Amino acid sequence: MTAAGLDASGHALLGAALATADGDEQIFSARLSARTVPWLADHAVGGTVLVPGAAFADMAVHAARETGCDLVEELTMTAPLRSATRGDDPAGPG
């Protein structure tokens, strides 16, 4: 990750963190699939693996703390996030 200019995020789900060139913003990245995060497979609805809202909240709290905020005032999810399936997972078949 460091060779690509990324830092470890320090969070189990967020794979990398990147400060913008001006240093005013922080970008966090994640790859969420049942292959890389096996417990996601327990969150299937109608055969589709969805990332649970609690995972979003946990990632938002971590990002807030990393950027000097002590509160996530509002987090709105307008649609569920479908996890990568084994076929679409860039990590390869599992």
PDB file of N, CA and C in Angstrom:
ATOM      1  N   MET A   1       0.808  -1.189   0.000  1.00  0.00           N
ATOM      2  CA  MET A   1       0.000   0.000   0.000  1.00  0.00           C
ATOM      3  C   MET A   1       0.856   1.260   0.000  1.00  0.00           C
ATOM      4  N   THR A   2       1.926   1.256   0.781  1.00  0.00           N
ATOM      5  CA  THR A   2       2.751   2.458   0.875  1.00  0.00           C
ATOM      6  C   THR A   2       3.415   2.800  -0.453  1.00  0.00           C
ATOM      7  N   ALA A   3       3.730   1.792  -1.261  1.00  0.00           N
ATOM      8  CA  ALA A   3       4.331   2.053  -2.571  1.00  0.00           C
ATOM      9  C   ALA A   3       3.369   2.815  -3.472  1.00  0.00           C
ATOM     10  N   ALA A   4       2.081   2.652  -3.233  1.00  0.00           N
ATOM     11  CA  ALA A   4       1.065   3.361  -4.016  1.00  0.00           C
ATOM     12  C   ALA A   4       0.669   4.688  -3.369  1.00  0.00           C
ATOM     13  N   GLY A   5       1.346   5.071  -2.282  1.00  0.00           N
ATOM     14  CA  GLY A   5       1.036   6.323  -1.614  1.00  0.00           C
ATOM     15  C   GLY A   5      -0.073   6.224  -0.590  1.00  0.00           C
ATOM     16  N   LEU A   6      -0.428   5.002  -0.234  1.00  0.00           N
ATOM     17  CA  LEU A   6      -1.507   4.787   0.732  1.00  0.00           C
ATOM     18  C   LEU A   6      -0.938   4.368   2.077  1.00  0.00           C
ATOM     19  N   ASP A   7      -1.655   4.692   3.132  1.00  0.00           N
ATOM     20  CA  ASP A   7      -1.289   4.275   4.474  1.00  0.00           C
ATOM     21  C   ASP A   7      -2.317   3.269   4.966  1.00  0.00           C
ATOM     22  N   ALA A   8      -1.901   2.382   5.862  1.00  0.00           N
ATOM     23  CA  ALA A   8      -2.860   1.468   6.488  1.00  0.00           C
ATOM     24  C   ALA A   8      -3.842   2.307   7.286  1.00  0.00           C
ATOM     25  N   SER A   9      -5.104   1.920   7.253  1.00  0.00           N
ATOM     26  CA  SER A   9      -6.135   2.725   7.907  1.00  0.00           C
ATOM     27  C   SER A   9      -6.225   2.469   9.401  1.00  0.00           C
ATOM     28  N   GLY A  10      -5.737   1.315   9.866  1.00  0.00           N
ATOM     29  CA  GLY A  10      -5.869   0.979  11.273  1.00  0.00           C
ATOM     30  C   GLY A  10      -7.243   0.449  11.631  1.00  0.00           C
ATOM     31  N   HIS A  11      -8.019   0.043  10.639  1.00  0.00           N
ATOM     32  CA  HIS A  11      -9.366  -0.473  10.855  1.00  0.00           C
ATOM     33  C   HIS A  11      -9.498  -1.794  10.113  1.00  0.00           C
ATOM     34  N   ALA A  12     -10.221  -2.733  10.702  1.00  0.00           N
ATOM     35  CA  ALA A  12     -10.349  -4.070  10.114  1.00  0.00           C
ATOM     36  C   ALA A  12     -11.026  -4.066   8.747  1.00  0.00           C
ATOM     37  N   LEU A  13     -11.951  -3.160   8.494  1.00  0.00           N
ATOM     38  CA  LEU A  13     -12.664  -3.138   7.213  1.00  0.00           C
ATOM     39  C   LEU A  13     -12.091  -2.122   6.233  1.00  0.00           C
ATOM     40  N   LEU A  14     -11.577  -1.021   6.738  1.00  0.00           N
ATOM     41  CA  LEU A  14     -11.016   0.005   5.862  1.00  0.00           C
ATOM     42  C   LEU A  14      -9.575  -0.358   5.544  1.00  0.00           C
ATOM     43  N   GLY A  15      -9.316  -0.644   4.288  1.00  0.00           N
ATOM     44  CA  GLY A  15      -8.003  -1.142   3.917  1.00  0.00           C
ATOM     45  C   GLY A  15      -6.922  -0.103   3.817  1.00  0.00           C
ATOM     46  N   ALA A  16      -7.270   1.127   3.442  1.00  0.00           N
ATOM     47  CA  ALA A  16      -6.240   2.133   3.220  1.00  0.00           C
ATOM     48  C   ALA A  16      -6.777   3.532   3.494  1.00  0.00           C
ATOM     49  N   ALA A  17      -5.846   4.422   3.768  1.00  0.00           N
ATOM     50  CA  ALA A  17      -6.174   5.832   3.971  1.00  0.00           C
ATOM     51  C   ALA A  17      -5.215   6.661   3.137  1.00  0.00           C
ATOM     52  N   LEU A  18      -5.688   7.781   2.638  1.00  0.00           N
ATOM     53  CA  LEU A  18      -4.882   8.653   1.800  1.00  0.00           C
ATOM     54  C   LEU A  18      -5.226  10.097   2.126  1.00  0.00           C
ATOM     55  N   ALA A  19      -4.228  10.888   2.415  1.00  0.00           N
ATOM     56  CA  ALA A  19      -4.435  12.325   2.606  1.00  0.00           C
ATOM     57  C   ALA A  19      -4.341  12.996   1.244  1.00  0.00           C
ATOM     58  N   THR A  20      -5.213  13.957   0.984  1.00  0.00           N
ATOM     59  CA  THR A  20      -5.145  14.688  -0.279  1.00  0.00           C
ATOM     60  C   THR A  20      -3.878  15.537  -0.308  1.00  0.00           C
ATOM     61  N   ALA A  21      -3.503  15.982  -1.478  1.00  0.00           N
ATOM     62  CA  ALA A  21      -2.255  16.719  -1.649  1.00  0.00           C
ATOM     63  C   ALA A  21      -2.186  17.964  -0.768  1.00  0.00           C
ATOM     64  N   ASP A  22      -3.301  18.644  -0.594  1.00  0.00           N
ATOM     65  CA  ASP A  22      -3.288  19.845   0.245  1.00  0.00           C
ATOM     66  C   ASP A  22      -3.412  19.510   1.729  1.00  0.00           C
ATOM     67  N   GLY A  23      -3.641  18.236   2.040  1.00  0.00           N
ATOM     68  CA  GLY A  23      -3.712  17.790   3.425  1.00  0.00           C
ATOM     69  C   GLY A  23      -5.007  18.134   4.126  1.00  0.00           C
ATOM     70  N   ASP A  24      -5.961  18.714   3.405  1.00  0.00           N
ATOM     71  CA  ASP A  24      -7.220  19.123   4.017  1.00  0.00           C
ATOM     72  C   ASP A  24      -8.260  18.006   4.101  1.00  0.00           C
ATOM     73  N   GLU A  25      -8.076  16.946   3.339  1.00  0.00           N
ATOM     74  CA  GLU A  25      -9.057  15.871   3.315  1.00  0.00           C
ATOM     75  C   GLU A  25      -8.365  14.528   3.457  1.00  0.00           C
ATOM     76  N   GLN A  26      -9.118  13.559   3.934  1.00  0.00           N
ATOM     77  CA  GLN A  26      -8.642  12.194   4.104  1.00  0.00           C
ATOM     78  C   GLN A  26      -9.597  11.285   3.339  1.00  0.00           C
ATOM     79  N   ILE A  27      -9.068  10.353   2.583  1.00  0.00           N
ATOM     80  CA  ILE A  27      -9.873   9.408   1.818  1.00  0.00           C
ATOM     81  C   ILE A  27      -9.604   8.019   2.372  1.00  0.00           C
ATOM     82  N   PHE A  28     -10.673   7.275   2.650  1.00  0.00           N
ATOM     83  CA  PHE A  28     -10.554   5.911   3.154  1.00  0.00           C
ATOM     84  C   PHE A  28     -11.105   4.962   2.106  1.00  0.00           C
ATOM     85  N   SER A  29     -10.480   3.804   1.982  1.00  0.00           N
ATOM     86  CA  SER A  29     -10.848   2.833   0.964  1.00  0.00           C
ATOM     87  C   SER A  29     -11.056   1.461   1.587  1.00  0.00           C
ATOM     88  N   ALA A  30     -11.924   0.671   0.965  1.00  0.00           N
ATOM     89  CA  ALA A  30     -12.172  -0.682   1.461  1.00  0.00           C
ATOM     90  C   ALA A  30     -12.557  -1.604   0.314  1.00  0.00           C
ATOM     91  N   ARG A  31     -12.245  -2.875   0.470  1.00  0.00           N
ATOM     92  CA  ARG A  31     -12.731  -3.917  -0.433  1.00  0.00           C
ATOM     93  C   ARG A  31     -13.518  -4.871   0.455  1.00  0.00           C
ATOM     94  N   LEU A  32     -14.818  -4.861   0.279  1.00  0.00           N
ATOM     95  CA  LEU A  32     -15.680  -5.669   1.133  1.00  0.00           C
ATOM     96  C   LEU A  32     -16.297  -6.798   0.319  1.00  0.00           C
ATOM     97  N   SER A  33     -15.858  -8.000   0.588  1.00  0.00           N
ATOM     98  CA  SER A  33     -16.419  -9.166  -0.076  1.00  0.00           C
ATOM     99  C   SER A  33     -16.440 -10.319   0.922  1.00  0.00           C
ATOM    100  N   ALA A  34     -17.256 -11.294   0.649  1.00  0.00           N
ATOM    101  CA  ALA A  34     -17.329 -12.460   1.531  1.00  0.00           C
ATOM    102  C   ALA A  34     -16.009 -13.224   1.540  1.00  0.00           C
ATOM    103  N   ARG A  35     -15.184 -13.041   0.530  1.00  0.00           N
ATOM    104  CA  ARG A  35     -13.876 -13.711   0.501  1.00  0.00           C
ATOM    105  C   ARG A  35     -12.893 -13.014   1.437  1.00  0.00           C
ATOM    106  N   THR A  36     -12.866 -11.687   1.401  1.00  0.00           N
ATOM    107  CA  THR A  36     -11.915 -10.951   2.223  1.00  0.00           C
ATOM    108  C   THR A  36     -12.444 -10.690   3.636  1.00  0.00           C
ATOM    109  N   VAL A  37     -13.769 -10.681   3.795  1.00  0.00           N
ATOM    110  CA  VAL A  37     -14.416 -10.487   5.097  1.00  0.00           C
ATOM    111  C   VAL A  37     -15.446 -11.606   5.237  1.00  0.00           C
ATOM    112  N   PRO A  38     -15.020 -12.800   5.667  1.00  0.00           N
ATOM    113  CA  PRO A  38     -15.886 -13.981   5.634  1.00  0.00           C
ATOM    114  C   PRO A  38     -17.228 -13.842   6.344  1.00  0.00           C
ATOM    115  N   TRP A  39     -17.310 -13.076   7.438  1.00  0.00           N
ATOM    116  CA  TRP A  39     -18.584 -12.973   8.157  1.00  0.00           C
ATOM    117  C   TRP A  39     -19.655 -12.248   7.357  1.00  0.00           C
ATOM    118  N   LEU A  40     -19.276 -11.555   6.282  1.00  0.00           N
ATOM    119  CA  LEU A  40     -20.291 -10.914   5.441  1.00  0.00           C
ATOM    120  C   LEU A  40     -21.251 -11.931   4.836  1.00  0.00           C
ATOM    121  N   ALA A  41     -20.777 -13.144   4.609  1.00  0.00           N
ATOM    122  CA  ALA A  41     -21.631 -14.188   4.032  1.00  0.00           C
ATOM    123  C   ALA A  41     -22.845 -14.469   4.912  1.00  0.00           C
ATOM    124  N   ASP A  42     -22.761 -14.138   6.200  1.00  0.00           N
ATOM    125  CA  ASP A  42     -23.887 -14.332   7.116  1.00  0.00           C
ATOM    126  C   ASP A  42     -24.963 -13.266   6.936  1.00  0.00           C
ATOM    127  N   HIS A  43     -24.711 -12.276   6.090  1.00  0.00           N
ATOM    128  CA  HIS A  43     -25.637 -11.166   5.901  1.00  0.00           C
ATOM    129  C   HIS A  43     -26.230 -11.187   4.495  1.00  0.00           C
ATOM    130  N   ALA A  44     -26.721 -12.351   4.100  1.00  0.00           N
ATOM    131  CA  ALA A  44     -27.320 -12.492   2.776  1.00  0.00           C
ATOM    132  C   ALA A  44     -28.830 -12.323   2.873  1.00  0.00           C
ATOM    133  N   VAL A  45     -29.372 -11.627   1.886  1.00  0.00           N
ATOM    134  CA  VAL A  45     -30.813 -11.444   1.772  1.00  0.00           C
ATOM    135  C   VAL A  45     -31.188 -11.865   0.365  1.00  0.00           C
ATOM    136  N   GLY A  46     -32.001 -12.886   0.260  1.00  0.00           N
ATOM    137  CA  GLY A  46     -32.395 -13.369  -1.057  1.00  0.00           C
ATOM    138  C   GLY A  46     -31.216 -13.811  -1.901  1.00  0.00           C
ATOM    139  N   GLY A  47     -30.183 -14.350  -1.279  1.00  0.00           N
ATOM    140  CA  GLY A  47     -29.017 -14.828  -2.001  1.00  0.00           C
ATOM    141  C   GLY A  47     -27.989 -13.746  -2.321  1.00  0.00           C
ATOM    142  N   THR A  48     -28.250 -12.495  -1.932  1.00  0.00           N
ATOM    143  CA  THR A  48     -27.318 -11.395  -2.176  1.00  0.00           C
ATOM    144  C   THR A  48     -26.686 -10.982  -0.854  1.00  0.00           C
ATOM    145  N   VAL A  49     -25.365 -10.946  -0.817  1.00  0.00           N
ATOM    146  CA  VAL A  49     -24.657 -10.548   0.397  1.00  0.00           C
ATOM    147  C   VAL A  49     -24.633  -9.024   0.473  1.00  0.00           C
ATOM    148  N   LEU A  50     -25.150  -8.494   1.583  1.00  0.00           N
ATOM    149  CA  LEU A  50     -25.214  -7.051   1.788  1.00  0.00           C
ATOM    150  C   LEU A  50     -24.322  -6.652   2.957  1.00  0.00           C
ATOM    151  N   VAL A  51     -23.692  -5.502   2.844  1.00  0.00           N
ATOM    152  CA  VAL A  51     -22.879  -4.973   3.939  1.00  0.00           C
ATOM    153  C   VAL A  51     -23.850  -4.383   4.967  1.00  0.00           C
ATOM    154  N   PRO A  52     -23.804  -4.852   6.219  1.00  0.00           N
ATOM    155  CA  PRO A  52     -24.762  -4.370   7.222  1.00  0.00           C
ATOM    156  C   PRO A  52     -24.520  -2.912   7.606  1.00  0.00           C
ATOM    157  N   GLY A  53     -25.594  -2.240   7.975  1.00  0.00           N
ATOM    158  CA  GLY A  53     -25.518  -0.837   8.367  1.00  0.00           C
ATOM    159  C   GLY A  53     -24.544  -0.594   9.512  1.00  0.00           C
ATOM    160  N   ALA A  54     -24.451  -1.555  10.430  1.00  0.00           N
ATOM    161  CA  ALA A  54     -23.525  -1.402  11.556  1.00  0.00           C
ATOM    162  C   ALA A  54     -22.084  -1.294  11.070  1.00  0.00           C
ATOM    163  N   ALA A  55     -21.757  -1.971   9.972  1.00  0.00           N
ATOM    164  CA  ALA A  55     -20.399  -1.879   9.417  1.00  0.00           C
ATOM    165  C   ALA A  55     -20.144  -0.472   8.885  1.00  0.00           C
ATOM    166  N   PHE A  56     -21.145   0.114   8.215  1.00  0.00           N
ATOM    167  CA  PHE A  56     -21.008   1.498   7.747  1.00  0.00           C
ATOM    168  C   PHE A  56     -20.794   2.444   8.926  1.00  0.00           C
ATOM    169  N   ALA A  57     -21.595   2.276   9.964  1.00  0.00           N
ATOM    170  CA  ALA A  57     -21.481   3.144  11.137  1.00  0.00           C
ATOM    171  C   ALA A  57     -20.093   3.020  11.764  1.00  0.00           C
ATOM    172  N   ASP A  58     -19.597   1.792  11.871  1.00  0.00           N
ATOM    173  CA  ASP A  58     -18.281   1.567  12.460  1.00  0.00           C
ATOM    174  C   ASP A  58     -17.182   2.219  11.619  1.00  0.00           C
ATOM    175  N   MET A  59     -17.274   2.095  10.304  1.00  0.00           N
ATOM    176  CA  MET A  59     -16.279   2.732   9.429  1.00  0.00           C
ATOM    177  C   MET A  59     -16.363   4.247   9.536  1.00  0.00           C
ATOM    178  N   ALA A  60     -17.574   4.795   9.618  1.00  0.00           N
ATOM    179  CA  ALA A  60     -17.738   6.250   9.734  1.00  0.00           C
ATOM    180  C   ALA A  60     -17.157   6.769  11.049  1.00  0.00           C
ATOM    181  N   VAL A  61     -17.378   6.049  12.144  1.00  0.00           N
ATOM    182  CA  VAL A  61     -16.830   6.455  13.443  1.00  0.00           C
ATOM    183  C   VAL A  61     -15.303   6.428  13.391  1.00  0.00           C
ATOM    184  N   HIS A  62     -14.736   5.392  12.781  1.00  0.00           N
ATOM    185  CA  HIS A  62     -13.274   5.315  12.671  1.00  0.00           C
ATOM    186  C   HIS A  62     -12.736   6.485  11.847  1.00  0.00           C
ATOM    187  N   ALA A  63     -13.353   6.748  10.698  1.00  0.00           N
ATOM    188  CA  ALA A  63     -12.907   7.850   9.843  1.00  0.00           C
ATOM    189  C   ALA A  63     -13.024   9.186  10.581  1.00  0.00           C
ATOM    190  N   ALA A  64     -14.087   9.354  11.337  1.00  0.00           N
ATOM    191  CA  ALA A  64     -14.258  10.591  12.100  1.00  0.00           C
ATOM    192  C   ALA A  64     -13.131  10.765  13.114  1.00  0.00           C
ATOM    193  N   ARG A  65     -12.847   9.715  13.856  1.00  0.00           N
ATOM    194  CA  ARG A  65     -11.772   9.803  14.860  1.00  0.00           C
ATOM    195  C   ARG A  65     -10.423  10.087  14.213  1.00  0.00           C
ATOM    196  N   GLU A  66     -10.158   9.450  13.079  1.00  0.00           N
ATOM    197  CA  GLU A  66      -8.879   9.642  12.395  1.00  0.00           C
ATOM    198  C   GLU A  66      -8.708  11.065  11.880  1.00  0.00           C
ATOM    199  N   THR A  67      -9.805  11.753  11.660  1.00  0.00           N
ATOM    200  CA  THR A  67      -9.739  13.113  11.120  1.00  0.00           C
ATOM    201  C   THR A  67     -10.014  14.166  12.189  1.00  0.00           C
ATOM    202  N   GLY A  68     -10.001  13.763  13.452  1.00  0.00           N
ATOM    203  CA  GLY A  68     -10.131  14.717  14.538  1.00  0.00           C
ATOM    204  C   GLY A  68     -11.550  15.039  14.964  1.00  0.00           C
ATOM    205  N   CYS A  69     -12.517  14.293  14.481  1.00  0.00           N
ATOM    206  CA  CYS A  69     -13.912  14.508  14.880  1.00  0.00           C
ATOM    207  C   CYS A  69     -14.273  13.523  15.983  1.00  0.00           C
ATOM    208  N   ASP A  70     -15.082  13.955  16.912  1.00  0.00           N
ATOM    209  CA  ASP A  70     -15.469  13.049  17.993  1.00  0.00           C
ATOM    210  C   ASP A  70     -16.920  12.607  17.881  1.00  0.00           C
ATOM    211  N   LEU A  71     -17.558  12.922  16.739  1.00  0.00           N
ATOM    212  CA  LEU A  71     -18.979  12.634  16.610  1.00  0.00           C
ATOM    213  C   LEU A  71     -19.344  12.436  15.143  1.00  0.00           C
ATOM    214  N   VAL A  72     -20.157  11.442  14.872  1.00  0.00           N
ATOM    215  CA  VAL A  72     -20.803  11.304  13.571  1.00  0.00           C
ATOM    216  C   VAL A  72     -22.245  11.707  13.829  1.00  0.00           C
ATOM    217  N   GLU A  73     -22.601  12.881  13.389  1.00  0.00           N
ATOM    218  CA  GLU A  73     -23.919  13.422  13.709  1.00  0.00           C
ATOM    219  C   GLU A  73     -25.033  12.741  12.933  1.00  0.00           C
ATOM    220  N   GLU A  74     -24.769  12.409  11.677  1.00  0.00           N
ATOM    221  CA  GLU A  74     -25.808  11.794  10.856  1.00  0.00           C
ATOM    222  C   GLU A  74     -25.155  10.902   9.819  1.00  0.00           C
ATOM    223  N   LEU A  75     -25.746   9.753   9.586  1.00  0.00           N
ATOM    224  CA  LEU A  75     -25.285   8.817   8.560  1.00  0.00           C
ATOM    225  C   LEU A  75     -26.529   8.272   7.881  1.00  0.00           C
ATOM    226  N   THR A  76     -26.715   8.616   6.632  1.00  0.00           N
ATOM    227  CA  THR A  76     -27.905   8.194   5.894  1.00  0.00           C
ATOM    228  C   THR A  76     -27.500   7.218   4.808  1.00  0.00           C
ATOM    229  N   MET A  77     -28.118   6.065   4.822  1.00  0.00           N
ATOM    230  CA  MET A  77     -27.907   5.075   3.760  1.00  0.00           C
ATOM    231  C   MET A  77     -29.168   5.057   2.913  1.00  0.00           C
ATOM    232  N   THR A  78     -29.025   5.335   1.629  1.00  0.00           N
ATOM    233  CA  THR A  78     -30.203   5.369   0.760  1.00  0.00           C
ATOM    234  C   THR A  78     -30.425   4.059   0.014  1.00  0.00           C
ATOM    235  N   ALA A  79     -29.420   3.203   0.010  1.00  0.00           N
ATOM    236  CA  ALA A  79     -29.538   1.905  -0.653  1.00  0.00           C
ATOM    237  C   ALA A  79     -28.529   0.953  -0.025  1.00  0.00           C
ATOM    238  N   PRO A  80     -28.851  -0.325  -0.005  1.00  0.00           N
ATOM    239  CA  PRO A  80     -27.887  -1.286   0.547  1.00  0.00           C
ATOM    240  C   PRO A  80     -26.680  -1.427  -0.377  1.00  0.00           C
ATOM    241  N   LEU A  81     -25.537  -1.756   0.223  1.00  0.00           N
ATOM    242  CA  LEU A  81     -24.327  -2.013  -0.555  1.00  0.00           C
ATOM    243  C   LEU A  81     -24.177  -3.511  -0.718  1.00  0.00           C
ATOM    244  N   ARG A  82     -24.203  -3.960  -1.964  1.00  0.00           N
ATOM    245  CA  ARG A  82     -24.039  -5.375  -2.271  1.00  0.00           C
ATOM    246  C   ARG A  82     -22.558  -5.702  -2.223  1.00  0.00           C
ATOM    247  N   SER A  83     -22.225  -6.750  -1.507  1.00  0.00           N
ATOM    248  CA  SER A  83     -20.841  -7.205  -1.433  1.00  0.00           C
ATOM    249  C   SER A  83     -20.458  -7.859  -2.756  1.00  0.00           C
ATOM    250  N   ALA A  84     -19.171  -7.821  -3.066  1.00  0.00           N
ATOM    251  CA  ALA A  84     -18.691  -8.535  -4.249  1.00  0.00           C
ATOM    252  C   ALA A  84     -18.977 -10.022  -4.070  1.00  0.00           C
ATOM    253  N   THR A  85     -19.397 -10.661  -5.140  1.00  0.00           N
ATOM    254  CA  THR A  85     -19.586 -12.104  -5.087  1.00  0.00           C
ATOM    255  C   THR A  85     -18.269 -12.767  -5.426  1.00  0.00           C
ATOM    256  N   ARG A  86     -18.178 -14.034  -5.205  1.00  0.00           N
ATOM    257  CA  ARG A  86     -16.918 -14.725  -5.471  1.00  0.00           C
ATOM    258  C   ARG A  86     -16.457 -14.525  -6.909  1.00  0.00           C
ATOM    259  N   GLY A  87     -17.383 -14.460  -7.844  1.00  0.00           N
ATOM    260  CA  GLY A  87     -17.014 -14.244  -9.247  1.00  0.00           C
ATOM    261  C   GLY A  87     -16.481 -12.858  -9.537  1.00  0.00           C
ATOM    262  N   ASP A  88     -17.007 -11.828  -8.807  1.00  0.00           N
ATOM    263  CA  ASP A  88     -16.555 -10.464  -9.083  1.00  0.00           C
ATOM    264  C   ASP A  88     -15.406 -10.041  -8.187  1.00  0.00           C
ATOM    265  N   ASP A  89     -15.045 -10.844  -7.217  1.00  0.00           N
ATOM    266  CA  ASP A  89     -14.034 -10.432  -6.250  1.00  0.00           C
ATOM    267  C   ASP A  89     -12.651 -10.435  -6.883  1.00  0.00           C
ATOM    268  N   PRO A  90     -11.991  -9.248  -6.947  1.00  0.00           N
ATOM    269  CA  PRO A  90     -10.664  -9.190  -7.539  1.00  0.00           C
ATOM    270  C   PRO A  90      -9.633 -10.026  -6.780  1.00  0.00           C
ATOM    271  N   ALA A  91      -9.955 -10.425  -5.553  1.00  0.00           N
ATOM    272  CA  ALA A  91      -9.013 -11.248  -4.777  1.00  0.00           C
ATOM    273  C   ALA A  91      -8.978 -12.673  -5.332  1.00  0.00           C
ATOM    274  N   GLY A  92      -9.899 -12.996  -6.204  1.00  0.00           N
ATOM    275  CA  GLY A  92      -9.882 -14.316  -6.834  1.00  0.00           C
ATOM    276  C   GLY A  92     -10.958 -15.226  -6.275  1.00  0.00           C
ATOM    277  N   PRO A  93     -11.095 -16.390  -6.874  1.00  0.00           N
ATOM    278  CA  PRO A  93     -12.120 -17.325  -6.418  1.00  0.00           C
ATOM    279  C   PRO A  93     -11.831 -17.840  -5.025  1.00  0.00           C
ATOM    280  N   GLY A  94     -12.889 -18.167  -4.305  1.00  0.00           N
ATOM    281  CA  GLY A  94     -12.687 -18.663  -2.953  1.00  0.00           C
ATOM    282  C   GLY A  94     -13.311 -19.947  -2.797  1.00  0.00           C
TER     283      GLY A  94
END
